[in-house]
Amino acid sequence: MKYDTMKKQYELFAAERTQVLELSRDLQRLQQMDKLIRSSLGTPKNVVIDTTTDVFITNQNQTISYIDNIPSVPPVLGYISQRTESDLSFIKRGHYGVDIVVKEGEPIQASAAGLVVFSDWTYDQGNVIILYHGDGYFTHYGHNQKNLKSQRDIVARGEVIALSGNTGNSSGPHLHYEIWKDGVAVDPLDYFPAFKSKDLTPKNG
């Protein structure tokens, strides 16, 4: 009886610990995004948000309309090989987006108008581009063969920002694509339901 009680207490402790670890990872991602915005937009005096016209103005006097900031253009056309999921294990991280299988060199489009807040190489996702669209929206594009845009560039919705590839920790050519809204990772399939017909994951079987 005592063993069963101790076992239940241990399982409860382990579950709570995994939740804390997951929250900690999410907080780190939020802090990274905040840092990217600040480093790209500059000091607050260089950024103006005009609520009457729904635009934000960078220190380069370029504007992005909030009307164009909602992801509405598929970044590439391909097949879904992995969906969004949260893994609370001690070892693996959550998979915050979808993997879209495409051949190397395919043009990757910006899903919405925005500002490039990150364009560089990372160990995990190779060449990565992160766009900030205003109104709490971010999109991430990873494993690129080549990034075609640099930090602080303004991009239009549908503009080519990179070429698909197999860089970083990748098992084959594909695009890792994420959408974040107000600090929370959301399922890209909610924004692009047409991809559900090209979903190769077991969840779709």
C-alpha atoms as a PDB file:
ATOM      1  CA  MET A   1       0.000   0.000   0.000  1.00  0.00           C
ATOM      2  CA  LYS A   2       2.818   2.340   0.909  1.00  0.00           C
ATOM      3  CA  TYR A   3       4.552   1.463  -2.364  1.00  0.00           C
ATOM      4  CA  ASP A   4       1.446   2.365  -4.392  1.00  0.00           C
ATOM      5  CA  THR A   5       1.166   5.711  -2.610  1.00  0.00           C
ATOM      6  CA  MET A   6       4.826   6.510  -3.227  1.00  0.00           C
ATOM      7  CA  LYS A   7       4.485   5.477  -6.873  1.00  0.00           C
ATOM      8  CA  LYS A   8       1.496   7.792  -7.390  1.00  0.00           C
ATOM      9  CA  GLN A   9       3.332  10.649  -5.708  1.00  0.00           C
ATOM     10  CA  TYR A  10       6.361  10.057  -7.933  1.00  0.00           C
ATOM     11  CA  GLU A  11       4.230   9.989 -11.094  1.00  0.00           C
ATOM     12  CA  LEU A  12       2.528  13.227 -10.039  1.00  0.00           C
ATOM     13  CA  PHE A  13       5.893  14.840  -9.360  1.00  0.00           C
ATOM     14  CA  ALA A  14       7.247  13.673 -12.731  1.00  0.00           C
ATOM     15  CA  ALA A  15       4.194  15.036 -14.563  1.00  0.00           C
ATOM     16  CA  GLU A  16       4.469  18.394 -12.808  1.00  0.00           C
ATOM     17  CA  ARG A  17       8.178  18.561 -13.594  1.00  0.00           C
ATOM     18  CA  THR A  18       7.622  17.921 -17.300  1.00  0.00           C
ATOM     19  CA  GLN A  19       4.987  20.669 -17.358  1.00  0.00           C
ATOM     20  CA  VAL A  20       7.453  23.075 -15.732  1.00  0.00           C
ATOM     21  CA  LEU A  21      10.123  22.148 -18.281  1.00  0.00           C
ATOM     22  CA  GLU A  22       7.689  22.694 -21.163  1.00  0.00           C
ATOM     23  CA  LEU A  23       6.603  26.070 -19.780  1.00  0.00           C
ATOM     24  CA  SER A  24      10.254  27.010 -19.352  1.00  0.00           C
ATOM     25  CA  ARG A  25      10.999  26.156 -22.989  1.00  0.00           C
ATOM     26  CA  ASP A  26       7.993  28.165 -24.152  1.00  0.00           C
ATOM     27  CA  LEU A  27       9.130  31.118 -22.029  1.00  0.00           C
ATOM     28  CA  GLN A  28      12.581  30.927 -23.612  1.00  0.00           C
ATOM     29  CA  ARG A  29      10.993  31.014 -27.072  1.00  0.00           C
ATOM     30  CA  LEU A  30       8.928  34.073 -26.085  1.00  0.00           C
ATOM     31  CA  GLN A  31      12.011  35.820 -24.730  1.00  0.00           C
ATOM     32  CA  GLN A  32      13.905  35.034 -27.926  1.00  0.00           C
ATOM     33  CA  MET A  33      11.082  36.463 -30.044  1.00  0.00           C
ATOM     34  CA  ASP A  34      10.928  39.596 -27.912  1.00  0.00           C
ATOM     35  CA  LYS A  35      14.680  40.050 -28.284  1.00  0.00           C
ATOM     36  CA  LEU A  36      14.444  39.553 -32.059  1.00  0.00           C
ATOM     37  CA  ILE A  37      11.748  42.211 -32.360  1.00  0.00           C
ATOM     38  CA  ARG A  38      13.656  44.696 -30.246  1.00  0.00           C
ATOM     39  CA  SER A  39      16.927  44.145 -32.127  1.00  0.00           C
ATOM     40  CA  SER A  40      15.197  44.468 -35.501  1.00  0.00           C
ATOM     41  CA  LEU A  41      12.876  47.374 -34.812  1.00  0.00           C
ATOM     42  CA  GLY A  42      15.347  49.353 -32.748  1.00  0.00           C
ATOM     43  CA  THR A  43      14.363  51.546 -29.831  1.00  0.00           C
ATOM     44  CA  PRO A  44      10.699  52.418 -29.274  1.00  0.00           C
ATOM     45  CA  LYS A  45      11.232  55.953 -30.627  1.00  0.00           C
ATOM     46  CA  ASN A  46      12.083  54.417 -34.003  1.00  0.00           C
ATOM     47  CA  VAL A  47       8.843  52.429 -34.207  1.00  0.00           C
ATOM     48  CA  VAL A  48       5.392  53.929 -34.544  1.00  0.00           C
ATOM     49  CA  ILE A  49       2.165  51.936 -34.340  1.00  0.00           C
ATOM     50  CA  ASP A  50      -0.684  53.856 -35.951  1.00  0.00           C
ATOM     51  CA  THR A  51      -3.964  52.365 -34.726  1.00  0.00           C
ATOM     52  CA  THR A  52      -6.017  54.630 -36.992  1.00  0.00           C
ATOM     53  CA  THR A  53      -4.523  53.165 -40.145  1.00  0.00           C
ATOM     54  CA  ASP A  54      -3.569  49.725 -38.749  1.00  0.00           C
ATOM     55  CA  VAL A  55       0.084  49.885 -39.744  1.00  0.00           C
ATOM     56  CA  PHE A  56       3.393  49.848 -37.944  1.00  0.00           C
ATOM     57  CA  ILE A  57       6.204  52.022 -39.257  1.00  0.00           C
ATOM     58  CA  THR A  58       9.846  51.021 -38.959  1.00  0.00           C
ATOM     59  CA  ASN A  59      12.759  53.375 -38.539  1.00  0.00           C
ATOM     60  CA  GLN A  60      13.229  53.089 -42.313  1.00  0.00           C
ATOM     61  CA  ASN A  61       9.810  54.687 -42.856  1.00  0.00           C
ATOM     62  CA  GLN A  62       8.443  51.459 -44.313  1.00  0.00           C
ATOM     63  CA  THR A  63       4.975  50.294 -43.369  1.00  0.00           C
ATOM     64  CA  ILE A  64       3.223  46.967 -42.878  1.00  0.00           C
ATOM     65  CA  SER A  65      -0.563  46.895 -42.878  1.00  0.00           C
ATOM     66  CA  TYR A  66      -2.261  44.718 -40.280  1.00  0.00           C
ATOM     67  CA  ILE A  67      -4.699  43.735 -43.031  1.00  0.00           C
ATOM     68  CA  ASP A  68      -1.873  41.785 -44.692  1.00  0.00           C
ATOM     69  CA  ASN A  69      -0.357  40.324 -41.525  1.00  0.00           C
ATOM     70  CA  ILE A  70      -2.511  37.196 -41.169  1.00  0.00           C
ATOM     71  CA  PRO A  71      -0.818  34.133 -42.746  1.00  0.00           C
ATOM     72  CA  SER A  72      -2.812  33.458 -45.909  1.00  0.00           C
ATOM     73  CA  VAL A  73      -0.277  32.303 -48.518  1.00  0.00           C
ATOM     74  CA  PRO A  74       1.078  28.716 -48.263  1.00  0.00           C
ATOM     75  CA  PRO A  75       4.878  28.965 -47.990  1.00  0.00           C
ATOM     76  CA  VAL A  76       5.357  26.018 -50.374  1.00  0.00           C
ATOM     77  CA  LEU A  77       3.231  23.339 -52.019  1.00  0.00           C
ATOM     78  CA  GLY A  78       4.126  19.890 -50.756  1.00  0.00           C
ATOM     79  CA  TYR A  79       3.115  17.034 -48.466  1.00  0.00           C
ATOM     80  CA  ILE A  80       2.864  17.117 -44.671  1.00  0.00           C
ATOM     81  CA  SER A  81       5.256  14.584 -43.120  1.00  0.00           C
ATOM     82  CA  GLN A  82       4.970  15.745 -39.502  1.00  0.00           C
ATOM     83  CA  ARG A  83       2.273  17.727 -37.744  1.00  0.00           C
ATOM     84  CA  THR A  84       2.253  20.116 -34.804  1.00  0.00           C
ATOM     85  CA  GLU A  85       2.527  18.325 -31.476  1.00  0.00           C
ATOM     86  CA  SER A  86       3.750  18.935 -27.937  1.00  0.00           C
ATOM     87  CA  ASP A  87       6.043  16.306 -26.452  1.00  0.00           C
ATOM     88  CA  LEU A  88       6.419  16.633 -22.678  1.00  0.00           C
ATOM     89  CA  SER A  89       9.311  14.182 -22.381  1.00  0.00           C
ATOM     90  CA  PHE A  90      12.555  15.217 -20.740  1.00  0.00           C
ATOM     91  CA  ILE A  91      14.550  14.686 -23.935  1.00  0.00           C
ATOM     92  CA  LYS A  92      12.452  15.781 -26.897  1.00  0.00           C
ATOM     93  CA  ARG A  93      11.124  19.257 -27.535  1.00  0.00           C
ATOM     94  CA  GLY A  94       7.676  20.065 -28.778  1.00  0.00           C
ATOM     95  CA  HIS A  95       7.229  20.116 -32.542  1.00  0.00           C
ATOM     96  CA  TYR A  96       5.704  23.556 -32.871  1.00  0.00           C
ATOM     97  CA  GLY A  97       4.929  23.482 -36.580  1.00  0.00           C
ATOM     98  CA  VAL A  98       4.561  21.262 -39.614  1.00  0.00           C
ATOM     99  CA  ASP A  99       7.125  19.659 -41.896  1.00  0.00           C
ATOM    100  CA  ILE A 100       6.321  20.059 -45.595  1.00  0.00           C
ATOM    101  CA  VAL A 101       8.181  17.735 -47.959  1.00  0.00           C
ATOM    102  CA  VAL A 102       9.454  19.479 -51.084  1.00  0.00           C
ATOM    103  CA  LYS A 103      12.490  19.084 -53.312  1.00  0.00           C
ATOM    104  CA  GLU A 104      15.555  21.229 -52.647  1.00  0.00           C
ATOM    105  CA  GLY A 105      15.614  24.645 -54.243  1.00  0.00           C
ATOM    106  CA  GLU A 106      11.838  25.235 -54.236  1.00  0.00           C
ATOM    107  CA  PRO A 107      10.937  28.912 -53.655  1.00  0.00           C
ATOM    108  CA  ILE A 108       9.581  29.628 -50.160  1.00  0.00           C
ATOM    109  CA  GLN A 109       7.035  32.437 -49.938  1.00  0.00           C
ATOM    110  CA  ALA A 110       6.243  34.740 -47.041  1.00  0.00           C
ATOM    111  CA  SER A 111       2.815  33.747 -45.747  1.00  0.00           C
ATOM    112  CA  ALA A 112       2.067  37.356 -44.875  1.00  0.00           C
ATOM    113  CA  ALA A 113       3.654  40.775 -45.140  1.00  0.00           C
ATOM    114  CA  GLY A 114       6.210  41.379 -42.438  1.00  0.00           C
ATOM    115  CA  LEU A 115       9.626  42.250 -41.115  1.00  0.00           C
ATOM    116  CA  VAL A 116      12.554  39.816 -41.091  1.00  0.00           C
ATOM    117  CA  VAL A 117      13.620  39.584 -37.441  1.00  0.00           C
ATOM    118  CA  PHE A 118      15.983  36.618 -37.897  1.00  0.00           C
ATOM    119  CA  SER A 119      17.863  35.274 -40.902  1.00  0.00           C
ATOM    120  CA  ASP A 120      20.777  33.021 -40.029  1.00  0.00           C
ATOM    121  CA  TRP A 121      21.966  29.473 -39.409  1.00  0.00           C
ATOM    122  CA  THR A 122      21.038  27.426 -36.336  1.00  0.00           C
ATOM    123  CA  TYR A 123      22.207  23.958 -35.348  1.00  0.00           C
ATOM    124  CA  ASP A 124      18.705  22.529 -35.142  1.00  0.00           C
ATOM    125  CA  GLN A 125      16.968  24.049 -38.174  1.00  0.00           C
ATOM    126  CA  GLY A 126      19.889  25.048 -40.362  1.00  0.00           C
ATOM    127  CA  ASN A 127      19.168  28.227 -42.323  1.00  0.00           C
ATOM    128  CA  VAL A 128      16.141  29.852 -40.693  1.00  0.00           C
ATOM    129  CA  ILE A 129      14.064  32.927 -41.416  1.00  0.00           C
ATOM    130  CA  ILE A 130      11.624  34.349 -38.855  1.00  0.00           C
ATOM    131  CA  LEU A 131       9.135  37.022 -39.855  1.00  0.00           C
ATOM    132  CA  TYR A 132       7.231  39.363 -37.546  1.00  0.00           C
ATOM    133  CA  HIS A 133       3.892  40.430 -39.004  1.00  0.00           C
ATOM    134  CA  GLY A 134       2.556  42.680 -36.279  1.00  0.00           C
ATOM    135  CA  ASP A 135      -0.555  42.038 -34.174  1.00  0.00           C
ATOM    136  CA  GLY A 136       1.275  39.206 -32.374  1.00  0.00           C
ATOM    137  CA  TYR A 137       1.972  37.098 -35.476  1.00  0.00           C
ATOM    138  CA  PHE A 138       5.280  35.366 -36.273  1.00  0.00           C
ATOM    139  CA  THR A 139       6.091  32.761 -38.932  1.00  0.00           C
ATOM    140  CA  HIS A 140       9.189  30.510 -38.958  1.00  0.00           C
ATOM    141  CA  TYR A 141      10.785  28.895 -42.031  1.00  0.00           C
ATOM    142  CA  GLY A 142      13.526  26.335 -41.323  1.00  0.00           C
ATOM    143  CA  HIS A 143      16.010  23.942 -43.022  1.00  0.00           C
ATOM    144  CA  ASN A 144      16.392  26.331 -45.970  1.00  0.00           C
ATOM    145  CA  GLN A 145      19.006  25.729 -48.630  1.00  0.00           C
ATOM    146  CA  LYS A 146      19.513  29.483 -48.831  1.00  0.00           C
ATOM    147  CA  ASN A 147      17.999  32.523 -47.162  1.00  0.00           C
ATOM    148  CA  LEU A 148      17.258  35.274 -49.668  1.00  0.00           C
ATOM    149  CA  LYS A 149      16.323  37.948 -47.134  1.00  0.00           C
ATOM    150  CA  SER A 150      18.309  39.587 -44.342  1.00  0.00           C
ATOM    151  CA  GLN A 151      17.392  40.857 -40.900  1.00  0.00           C
ATOM    152  CA  ARG A 152      15.336  44.099 -41.023  1.00  0.00           C
ATOM    153  CA  ASP A 153      14.146  43.500 -44.582  1.00  0.00           C
ATOM    154  CA  ILE A 154      10.474  44.264 -45.212  1.00  0.00           C
ATOM    155  CA  VAL A 155       8.752  41.556 -47.266  1.00  0.00           C
ATOM    156  CA  ALA A 156       5.403  41.464 -49.041  1.00  0.00           C
ATOM    157  CA  ARG A 157       2.867  38.696 -48.734  1.00  0.00           C
ATOM    158  CA  GLY A 158       3.783  35.994 -51.242  1.00  0.00           C
ATOM    159  CA  GLU A 159       7.322  37.311 -51.783  1.00  0.00           C
ATOM    160  CA  VAL A 160      10.050  34.663 -52.132  1.00  0.00           C
ATOM    161  CA  ILE A 161      12.233  34.768 -49.009  1.00  0.00           C
ATOM    162  CA  ALA A 162      14.283  31.546 -49.237  1.00  0.00           C
ATOM    163  CA  LEU A 163      14.899  28.297 -51.107  1.00  0.00           C
ATOM    164  CA  SER A 164      13.875  24.988 -49.534  1.00  0.00           C
ATOM    165  CA  GLY A 165      16.640  22.684 -48.418  1.00  0.00           C
ATOM    166  CA  ASN A 166      17.966  20.048 -46.047  1.00  0.00           C
ATOM    167  CA  THR A 167      20.180  22.037 -43.665  1.00  0.00           C
ATOM    168  CA  GLY A 168      20.540  21.592 -39.923  1.00  0.00           C
ATOM    169  CA  ASN A 169      19.160  18.557 -38.089  1.00  0.00           C
ATOM    170  CA  SER A 170      17.107  17.208 -40.976  1.00  0.00           C
ATOM    171  CA  SER A 171      16.372  13.736 -42.339  1.00  0.00           C
ATOM    172  CA  GLY A 172      15.532  14.910 -45.848  1.00  0.00           C
ATOM    173  CA  PRO A 173      14.557  17.947 -47.922  1.00  0.00           C
ATOM    174  CA  HIS A 174      11.601  19.742 -46.359  1.00  0.00           C
ATOM    175  CA  LEU A 175      10.403  23.027 -44.913  1.00  0.00           C
ATOM    176  CA  HIS A 176       9.740  23.309 -41.198  1.00  0.00           C
ATOM    177  CA  TYR A 177       7.008  25.924 -40.875  1.00  0.00           C
ATOM    178  CA  GLU A 178       5.573  27.493 -37.723  1.00  0.00           C
ATOM    179  CA  ILE A 179       2.901  30.112 -36.963  1.00  0.00           C
ATOM    180  CA  TRP A 180       2.867  31.894 -33.599  1.00  0.00           C
ATOM    181  CA  LYS A 181       0.092  34.176 -32.379  1.00  0.00           C
ATOM    182  CA  ASP A 182       0.418  36.139 -29.125  1.00  0.00           C
ATOM    183  CA  GLY A 183       3.216  33.890 -27.896  1.00  0.00           C
ATOM    184  CA  VAL A 184       1.393  30.618 -28.606  1.00  0.00           C
ATOM    185  CA  ALA A 185       2.255  28.163 -31.380  1.00  0.00           C
ATOM    186  CA  VAL A 186      -0.826  27.489 -33.506  1.00  0.00           C
ATOM    187  CA  ASP A 187      -1.458  24.683 -35.983  1.00  0.00           C
ATOM    188  CA  PRO A 188      -0.681  25.875 -39.544  1.00  0.00           C
ATOM    189  CA  LEU A 189      -3.325  23.445 -40.817  1.00  0.00           C
ATOM    190  CA  ASP A 190      -5.945  25.679 -39.195  1.00  0.00           C
ATOM    191  CA  TYR A 191      -4.787  28.459 -41.525  1.00  0.00           C
ATOM    192  CA  PHE A 192      -4.240  26.252 -44.583  1.00  0.00           C
ATOM    193  CA  PRO A 193      -6.860  23.473 -44.482  1.00  0.00           C
ATOM    194  CA  ALA A 194      -6.002  22.487 -48.060  1.00  0.00           C
ATOM    195  CA  PHE A 195      -2.860  20.851 -46.653  1.00  0.00           C
ATOM    196  CA  LYS A 196      -5.040  18.294 -44.845  1.00  0.00           C
ATOM    197  CA  SER A 197      -5.594  16.545 -48.176  1.00  0.00           C
ATOM    198  CA  LYS A 198      -1.800  16.214 -48.463  1.00  0.00           C
ATOM    199  CA  ASP A 199      -1.247  14.977 -44.921  1.00  0.00           C
ATOM    200  CA  LEU A 200       0.895  11.825 -44.882  1.00  0.00           C
ATOM    201  CA  THR A 201       1.085  11.510 -41.086  1.00  0.00           C
ATOM    202  CA  PRO A 202      -0.443   8.552 -39.177  1.00  0.00           C
ATOM    203  CA  LYS A 203      -2.908  10.974 -37.513  1.00  0.00           C
ATOM    204  CA  ASN A 204      -4.522  11.419 -40.892  1.00  0.00           C
ATOM    205  CA  GLY A 205      -4.767   7.713 -41.549  1.00  0.00           C
END
